[in-house]
Every structure is written in C-alpha cells, then in structure tokens.
Amino acid sequence: MLAGCVGIEALAPPVTPMLAARARADSSTLAAGRRIYLTKCASCHAADPVADYADEWPHIIRKMAPKSKLSPAEEHAVLAYVLAASR
C-alpha cells in the first residue's frame, strides 16, 4: 500500500479552500494535482509526504514529468499541488 501506516492525509493533504487560497490557485487544479501525485507518482514508487521535498519539487517534477508521460497541464497541476501542500 502507500507507505504503510502513514495516512493519506499525511502524505498528500486534501485540497481545502484554505489551501487553495494560500496557494492562490484554483481548487480544481490542485485537486487534479493531488490525484496525479497519488496515482501516477505513487504507481512507480512509494508516495512520500509532500512536505519532505518542499524546496526540491520544481526540479523533481521537471525531471519526472517526461518519465510519467504527464501532459503540460498535468505537470502544472501536480507542481501547483505539491508546492501548495508543502508550505
């Protein structure tokens, strides 16, 4: 499963109005990014808590997007989500 005993909310916090406001991003984009993180990213390796890589996300997403075959919109959504959730 996804990281043993760690709950999904600890790995990838749900999208809330507060998260969207803090990120200054559309909640539907953030929700799509969260889905991508939990499905496409976690399909190849364990999902880590998004807060663990706060400063590294832009590099990680840029590197992994082609390997995951993310469209530009999906890449944007997952990056927006992980940046918002890691703050």
C-alpha atoms as a PDB file:
ATOM      1  CA  MET A   1       0.000   0.000   0.000  1.00  0.00           C
ATOM      2  CA  LEU A   2       1.015   3.640   0.078  1.00  0.00           C
ATOM      3  CA  ALA A   3       3.663   3.980   2.871  1.00  0.00           C
ATOM      4  CA  GLY A   4       2.468   1.553   5.494  1.00  0.00           C
ATOM      5  CA  CYS A   5       0.863   3.133   8.490  1.00  0.00           C
ATOM      6  CA  VAL A   6       1.103   6.734   7.335  1.00  0.00           C
ATOM      7  CA  GLY A   7      -2.331   8.093   6.467  1.00  0.00           C
ATOM      8  CA  ILE A   8      -3.056   9.503   3.037  1.00  0.00           C
ATOM      9  CA  GLU A   9      -3.682  12.956   4.564  1.00  0.00           C
ATOM     10  CA  ALA A  10      -0.144  12.946   5.981  1.00  0.00           C
ATOM     11  CA  LEU A  11       1.276  12.060   2.576  1.00  0.00           C
ATOM     12  CA  ALA A  12      -0.898  14.357   0.495  1.00  0.00           C
ATOM     13  CA  PRO A  13      -3.157  16.735   2.391  1.00  0.00           C
ATOM     14  CA  PRO A  14      -6.621  17.149   0.905  1.00  0.00           C
ATOM     15  CA  VAL A  15      -7.403  20.266  -1.091  1.00  0.00           C
ATOM     16  CA  THR A  16      -9.303  22.720   1.066  1.00  0.00           C
ATOM     17  CA  PRO A  17     -10.434  26.298   0.448  1.00  0.00           C
ATOM     18  CA  MET A  18      -7.647  27.420   2.818  1.00  0.00           C
ATOM     19  CA  LEU A  19      -5.012  25.510   0.821  1.00  0.00           C
ATOM     20  CA  ALA A  20      -6.300  26.972  -2.450  1.00  0.00           C
ATOM     21  CA  ALA A  21      -6.348  30.498  -1.030  1.00  0.00           C
ATOM     22  CA  ARG A  22      -2.856  30.134   0.407  1.00  0.00           C
ATOM     23  CA  ALA A  23      -1.586  28.823  -2.934  1.00  0.00           C
ATOM     24  CA  ARG A  24      -3.548  31.382  -4.937  1.00  0.00           C
ATOM     25  CA  ALA A  25      -4.545  28.512  -7.191  1.00  0.00           C
ATOM     26  CA  ASP A  26      -7.786  27.066  -8.450  1.00  0.00           C
ATOM     27  CA  SER A  27      -9.020  24.241  -6.225  1.00  0.00           C
ATOM     28  CA  SER A  28      -9.848  22.050  -9.246  1.00  0.00           C
ATOM     29  CA  THR A  29      -6.248  22.352 -10.481  1.00  0.00           C
ATOM     30  CA  LEU A  30      -4.948  21.462  -7.023  1.00  0.00           C
ATOM     31  CA  ALA A  31      -7.343  18.508  -6.758  1.00  0.00           C
ATOM     32  CA  ALA A  32      -6.165  17.228 -10.147  1.00  0.00           C
ATOM     33  CA  GLY A  33      -2.560  17.603  -8.984  1.00  0.00           C
ATOM     34  CA  ARG A  34      -3.285  15.634  -5.828  1.00  0.00           C
ATOM     35  CA  ARG A  35      -4.900  12.836  -7.866  1.00  0.00           C
ATOM     36  CA  ILE A  36      -1.877  12.711 -10.160  1.00  0.00           C
ATOM     37  CA  TYR A  37       0.509  12.614  -7.200  1.00  0.00           C
ATOM     38  CA  LEU A  38      -1.389   9.761  -5.569  1.00  0.00           C
ATOM     39  CA  THR A  39      -1.915   7.750  -8.744  1.00  0.00           C
ATOM     40  CA  LYS A  40       0.800   8.372 -11.323  1.00  0.00           C
ATOM     41  CA  CYS A  41       3.651   9.271  -8.977  1.00  0.00           C
ATOM     42  CA  ALA A  42       2.827   6.577  -6.449  1.00  0.00           C
ATOM     43  CA  SER A  43       2.351   3.942  -9.149  1.00  0.00           C
ATOM     44  CA  CYS A  44       6.122   3.683  -9.678  1.00  0.00           C
ATOM     45  CA  HIS A  45       7.421   4.298  -6.165  1.00  0.00           C
ATOM     46  CA  ALA A  46       6.126   4.997  -2.692  1.00  0.00           C
ATOM     47  CA  ALA A  47       4.499   8.363  -2.202  1.00  0.00           C
ATOM     48  CA  ASP A  48       6.434  10.438   0.297  1.00  0.00           C
ATOM     49  CA  PRO A  49       4.897  13.204   2.374  1.00  0.00           C
ATOM     50  CA  VAL A  50       4.854  16.237   0.092  1.00  0.00           C
ATOM     51  CA  ALA A  51       6.303  18.419   2.856  1.00  0.00           C
ATOM     52  CA  ASP A  52       9.517  16.364   2.802  1.00  0.00           C
ATOM     53  CA  TYR A  53      10.620  17.899  -0.500  1.00  0.00           C
ATOM     54  CA  ALA A  54       9.360  21.471  -0.281  1.00  0.00           C
ATOM     55  CA  ASP A  55      12.395  23.083  -1.929  1.00  0.00           C
ATOM     56  CA  GLU A  56      13.011  20.258  -4.398  1.00  0.00           C
ATOM     57  CA  TRP A  57       9.585  19.915  -6.060  1.00  0.00           C
ATOM     58  CA  PRO A  58      10.207  22.055  -9.142  1.00  0.00           C
ATOM     59  CA  HIS A  59      13.306  20.000 -10.021  1.00  0.00           C
ATOM     60  CA  ILE A  60      11.643  16.674  -9.171  1.00  0.00           C
ATOM     61  CA  ILE A  61       8.523  17.375 -11.224  1.00  0.00           C
ATOM     62  CA  ARG A  62      10.518  18.702 -14.177  1.00  0.00           C
ATOM     63  CA  LYS A  63      12.652  15.533 -14.130  1.00  0.00           C
ATOM     64  CA  MET A  64       9.818  13.044 -13.590  1.00  0.00           C
ATOM     65  CA  ALA A  65       7.098  14.526 -15.854  1.00  0.00           C
ATOM     66  CA  PRO A  66       8.517  13.050 -19.082  1.00  0.00           C
ATOM     67  CA  LYS A  67       9.051   9.648 -17.419  1.00  0.00           C
ATOM     68  CA  SER A  68       5.458   9.696 -16.180  1.00  0.00           C
ATOM     69  CA  LYS A  69       4.196  10.903 -19.548  1.00  0.00           C
ATOM     70  CA  LEU A  70       2.472  13.896 -17.964  1.00  0.00           C
ATOM     71  CA  SER A  71       0.896  16.436 -20.257  1.00  0.00           C
ATOM     72  CA  PRO A  72       1.924  20.064 -19.675  1.00  0.00           C
ATOM     73  CA  ALA A  73      -1.410  20.641 -17.883  1.00  0.00           C
ATOM     74  CA  GLU A  74      -0.852  17.614 -15.636  1.00  0.00           C
ATOM     75  CA  GLU A  75       2.701  18.731 -14.886  1.00  0.00           C
ATOM     76  CA  HIS A  76       1.396  22.190 -13.950  1.00  0.00           C
ATOM     77  CA  ALA A  77      -1.346  20.717 -11.740  1.00  0.00           C
ATOM     78  CA  VAL A  78       0.887  18.343  -9.810  1.00  0.00           C
ATOM     79  CA  LEU A  79       3.531  21.026  -9.304  1.00  0.00           C
ATOM     80  CA  ALA A  80       0.912  23.525  -8.101  1.00  0.00           C
ATOM     81  CA  TYR A  81      -0.442  20.939  -5.676  1.00  0.00           C
ATOM     82  CA  VAL A  82       2.840  19.761  -4.169  1.00  0.00           C
ATOM     83  CA  LEU A  83       4.081  23.329  -3.759  1.00  0.00           C
ATOM     84  CA  ALA A  84       0.845  24.386  -2.069  1.00  0.00           C
ATOM     85  CA  ALA A  85       0.678  21.307   0.162  1.00  0.00           C
ATOM     86  CA  SER A  86       4.334  21.507   1.188  1.00  0.00           C
ATOM     87  CA  ARG A  87       4.038  25.021   2.607  1.00  0.00           C
END
